[in-house]
Structure formats: C-alpha cells, structure tokens
Amino acid sequence: MSKSEFTEIINASKEKVWDVLFNQYGEIHVHNPGMIASHYMNNGTKGELNSKRHVNFSEKLWLDETITEMEEFKRVTMVADNHNLPMMRDMSATYELTPLGNKKTELKMISNATSSPGFMMYLMKGQLAKGLVQHLFGMKYYIETGKTLSKKTFSEVYKNYKQ
C-alpha cells in the first residue's frame, strides 16, 4: 500500500472547512478541478456516516466511495467501493482538520492506494500526487473565494493565488 500525505492551510474556520469537506460531500466536483461531475448515491442529500457518492473524472473514468469514519470537525475517512480507474485497486483517504486560530485551519489528507500490478504505484505516484494537490488547493480556493477552478484555469490561479 502506498501512503501519501498532503497539507493545505485554509484561511477559514474549521467549521467552514468541515462544511465543504463533509456536509457537501456529494458535490466534490464543485471544488475539485480534476472532476467533471459528482453526486450523492442512494437518495443521499448531505454528508453523513455511510454516505455514498459517485464521481466522474472524465466521460469514461469514475469512482464510487463511502464515508466510513468521522469525528465531527476533526477527521473523516472515505473508502473507494467501486471504480474503473486503470490499474488501481484499493483506495482510501483520511482528512484531518487542525484549527490554527479562529479563521485558519490546517487540512491534511492522508491517501492510501494499491495498484495491480503492484509496481505500477511507483510509476503512477507522481500523477496521483498532482491530482491530490489540485484537489486540496481547489478546496482552499473555493472556501476562501467562493470561486471554482477547472483544469484549464488551475495552473494560472495556483501560480498567482498560492501563498
């Protein structure tokens, strides 16, 4: 299993970060420039333990995942249930929120993944890391500005906005 950690400092309260990360779980595509669509599954309308979402990375690539653990305003874990991502097997992510003051929160993402064949994880690690960095920055930008990013606008905004 390959483990990666990424951190982003967001200029917002832990409650605001939690709202986007957890309560808006089914709408991840709004702040993740690597996704074209997402929605709740099983008639879900908000994030909660055992919520499921479907994510489209493209017209062909997709992922279904479930919130399997949560501690309000502190930590949430999501596990991939089903997907068609080439060579990927098991995937999960845990997000940890640490308040750094009244209006500043550290958001850490710990990603775990396996591939088949196993050595492919080493070849794909850079590309996967790039997508996770885009995701966390997209969330930061969305929370701080209310604006969304796309794959086309990401590089320019990241270069000019990153602090």
Protein backbone atom coordinates (compact mmCIF):
# COMPACT_ATOMS: atom_id res chain seq x y z
CA MET A 1 0.00 0.00 0.00
CA SER A 2 1.30 3.43 -0.96
CA LYS A 3 0.70 6.22 1.53
CA SER A 4 0.88 9.92 0.65
CA GLU A 5 0.28 12.98 2.81
CA PHE A 6 -0.59 16.47 1.63
CA THR A 7 -1.38 19.56 3.68
CA GLU A 8 -3.08 22.84 2.84
CA ILE A 9 -3.58 25.84 5.15
CA ILE A 10 -7.04 27.30 4.59
CA ASN A 11 -7.94 30.79 5.77
CA ALA A 12 -11.26 29.78 7.28
CA SER A 13 -12.63 28.27 10.47
CA LYS A 14 -12.64 24.51 10.94
CA GLU A 15 -16.46 24.66 10.76
CA LYS A 16 -16.37 26.23 7.30
CA VAL A 17 -13.78 23.71 6.07
CA TRP A 18 -15.84 20.87 7.55
CA ASP A 19 -18.97 22.15 5.82
CA VAL A 20 -17.37 21.86 2.38
CA LEU A 21 -15.42 18.66 3.09
CA PHE A 22 -18.15 16.71 4.89
CA ASN A 23 -21.57 18.32 4.53
CA GLN A 24 -21.12 18.95 0.80
CA TYR A 25 -19.57 15.51 0.26
CA GLY A 26 -21.65 14.70 -2.82
CA GLU A 27 -20.67 17.92 -4.61
CA ILE A 28 -16.89 17.45 -4.59
CA HIS A 29 -16.67 18.35 -8.28
CA VAL A 30 -17.53 21.95 -7.37
CA HIS A 31 -14.10 22.49 -5.81
CA ASN A 32 -12.01 19.69 -7.35
CA PRO A 33 -10.69 20.70 -10.79
CA GLY A 34 -9.88 17.05 -11.58
CA MET A 35 -13.54 16.03 -11.63
CA ILE A 36 -16.26 16.84 -14.12
CA ALA A 37 -19.25 15.70 -12.03
CA SER A 38 -20.28 14.14 -8.73
CA HIS A 39 -23.48 13.30 -6.88
CA TYR A 40 -24.84 11.51 -3.84
CA MET A 41 -25.96 7.94 -4.25
CA ASN A 42 -28.91 6.12 -2.64
CA ASN A 43 -31.01 9.31 -2.38
CA GLY A 44 -28.47 10.98 -0.09
CA THR A 45 -28.60 14.75 0.27
CA LYS A 46 -25.78 15.55 2.70
CA GLY A 47 -22.62 14.11 4.14
CA GLU A 48 -23.03 11.68 7.00
CA LEU A 49 -21.55 8.39 8.11
CA ASN A 50 -22.06 5.79 5.35
CA SER A 51 -22.93 8.44 2.73
CA LYS A 52 -22.01 7.33 -0.77
CA ARG A 53 -21.06 9.43 -3.75
CA HIS A 54 -20.33 8.83 -7.41
CA VAL A 55 -17.53 10.86 -9.02
CA ASN A 56 -16.69 11.29 -12.71
CA PHE A 57 -13.11 12.19 -13.56
CA SER A 58 -13.95 12.12 -17.28
CA GLU A 59 -16.65 10.76 -19.55
CA LYS A 60 -15.17 7.28 -19.03
CA LEU A 61 -13.43 7.21 -15.63
CA TRP A 62 -15.45 7.08 -12.42
CA LEU A 63 -15.33 6.16 -8.73
CA ASP A 64 -17.89 5.34 -6.03
CA GLU A 65 -16.88 5.92 -2.43
CA THR A 66 -18.30 5.90 1.09
CA ILE A 67 -17.70 7.85 4.29
CA THR A 68 -16.65 5.06 6.66
CA GLU A 69 -15.44 7.01 9.71
CA MET A 70 -15.89 10.52 11.05
CA GLU A 71 -15.23 12.63 14.10
CA GLU A 72 -17.04 15.94 13.64
CA PHE A 73 -14.79 18.91 12.84
CA LYS A 74 -11.70 16.70 13.27
CA ARG A 75 -11.44 13.75 10.87
CA VAL A 76 -13.25 11.91 8.10
CA THR A 77 -12.29 8.77 6.16
CA MET A 78 -13.58 7.84 2.71
CA VAL A 79 -13.08 4.46 1.05
CA ALA A 80 -13.48 3.62 -2.64
CA ASP A 81 -16.11 0.90 -3.10
CA ASN A 82 -16.07 0.55 -6.86
CA HIS A 83 -14.27 2.22 -9.76
CA ASN A 84 -12.91 1.72 -13.24
CA LEU A 85 -9.57 3.51 -12.77
CA PRO A 86 -6.90 1.59 -14.68
CA MET A 87 -4.51 -0.46 -12.57
CA MET A 88 -5.83 0.95 -9.28
CA ARG A 89 -7.10 -1.45 -6.63
CA ASP A 90 -7.86 -0.28 -3.11
CA MET A 91 -8.07 3.43 -2.32
CA SER A 92 -8.94 5.46 0.75
CA ALA A 93 -8.36 8.94 2.11
CA THR A 94 -8.45 10.39 5.60
CA TYR A 95 -8.76 14.13 6.05
CA GLU A 96 -7.67 15.68 9.35
CA LEU A 97 -8.59 19.23 10.40
CA THR A 98 -6.43 21.16 12.86
CA PRO A 99 -7.51 24.66 13.87
CA LEU A 100 -4.64 27.17 13.76
CA GLY A 101 -6.66 30.03 15.15
CA ASN A 102 -10.16 31.39 14.71
CA LYS A 103 -10.03 31.73 10.93
CA LYS A 104 -7.25 29.38 9.88
CA THR A 105 -7.34 25.59 9.53
CA GLU A 106 -4.75 23.03 8.52
CA LEU A 107 -6.28 20.36 6.30
CA LYS A 108 -4.17 17.20 5.97
CA MET A 109 -5.07 14.48 3.52
CA ILE A 110 -3.62 11.01 4.01
CA SER A 111 -4.16 8.92 0.89
CA ASN A 112 -3.67 5.15 0.71
CA ALA A 113 -3.75 3.20 -2.52
CA THR A 114 -2.70 -0.07 -4.09
CA SER A 115 -2.31 -0.99 -7.73
CA SER A 116 -2.24 -4.13 -9.82
CA PRO A 117 0.42 -4.94 -10.68
CA GLY A 118 1.93 -3.53 -7.50
CA PHE A 119 4.93 -1.85 -9.12
CA MET A 120 2.60 0.45 -11.10
CA MET A 121 2.04 2.51 -7.95
CA TYR A 122 5.62 3.74 -8.16
CA LEU A 123 5.14 4.76 -11.79
CA MET A 124 1.79 6.49 -11.16
CA LYS A 125 2.66 8.13 -7.83
CA GLY A 126 3.62 11.49 -9.36
CA GLN A 127 0.45 11.77 -11.41
CA LEU A 128 -1.70 10.76 -8.43
CA ALA A 129 0.07 13.30 -6.21
CA LYS A 130 -0.57 16.06 -8.75
CA GLY A 131 -4.29 15.30 -8.68
CA LEU A 132 -4.42 15.33 -4.88
CA VAL A 133 -2.56 18.66 -4.68
CA GLN A 134 -5.05 20.13 -7.19
CA HIS A 135 -7.93 18.80 -5.09
CA LEU A 136 -6.73 20.35 -1.83
CA PHE A 137 -5.81 23.66 -3.45
CA GLY A 138 -9.16 23.72 -5.26
CA MET A 139 -10.91 23.29 -1.91
CA LYS A 140 -8.80 26.06 -0.35
CA TYR A 141 -9.53 28.43 -3.22
CA TYR A 142 -13.26 27.62 -3.18
CA ILE A 143 -13.58 28.11 0.58
CA GLU A 144 -11.59 31.35 0.62
CA THR A 145 -13.04 32.97 -2.51
CA GLY A 146 -16.29 31.17 -3.35
CA LYS A 147 -14.89 30.62 -6.86
CA THR A 148 -14.30 27.33 -8.64
CA LEU A 149 -11.37 26.10 -10.69
CA SER A 150 -11.22 23.99 -13.81
CA LYS A 151 -8.35 22.02 -15.31
CA LYS A 152 -7.85 24.91 -17.72
CA THR A 153 -7.66 27.64 -15.08
CA PHE A 154 -5.85 25.70 -12.36
CA SER A 155 -2.20 26.45 -13.26
CA GLU A 156 -2.64 30.19 -13.62
CA VAL A 157 -4.73 30.57 -10.46
CA TYR A 158 -2.39 28.31 -8.48
CA LYS A 159 0.64 30.33 -9.54
CA ASN A 160 -0.97 33.69 -8.68
CA TYR A 161 -3.01 32.73 -5.59
CA LYS A 162 -0.79 30.26 -3.74
CA GLN A 163 0.56 31.87 -0.60
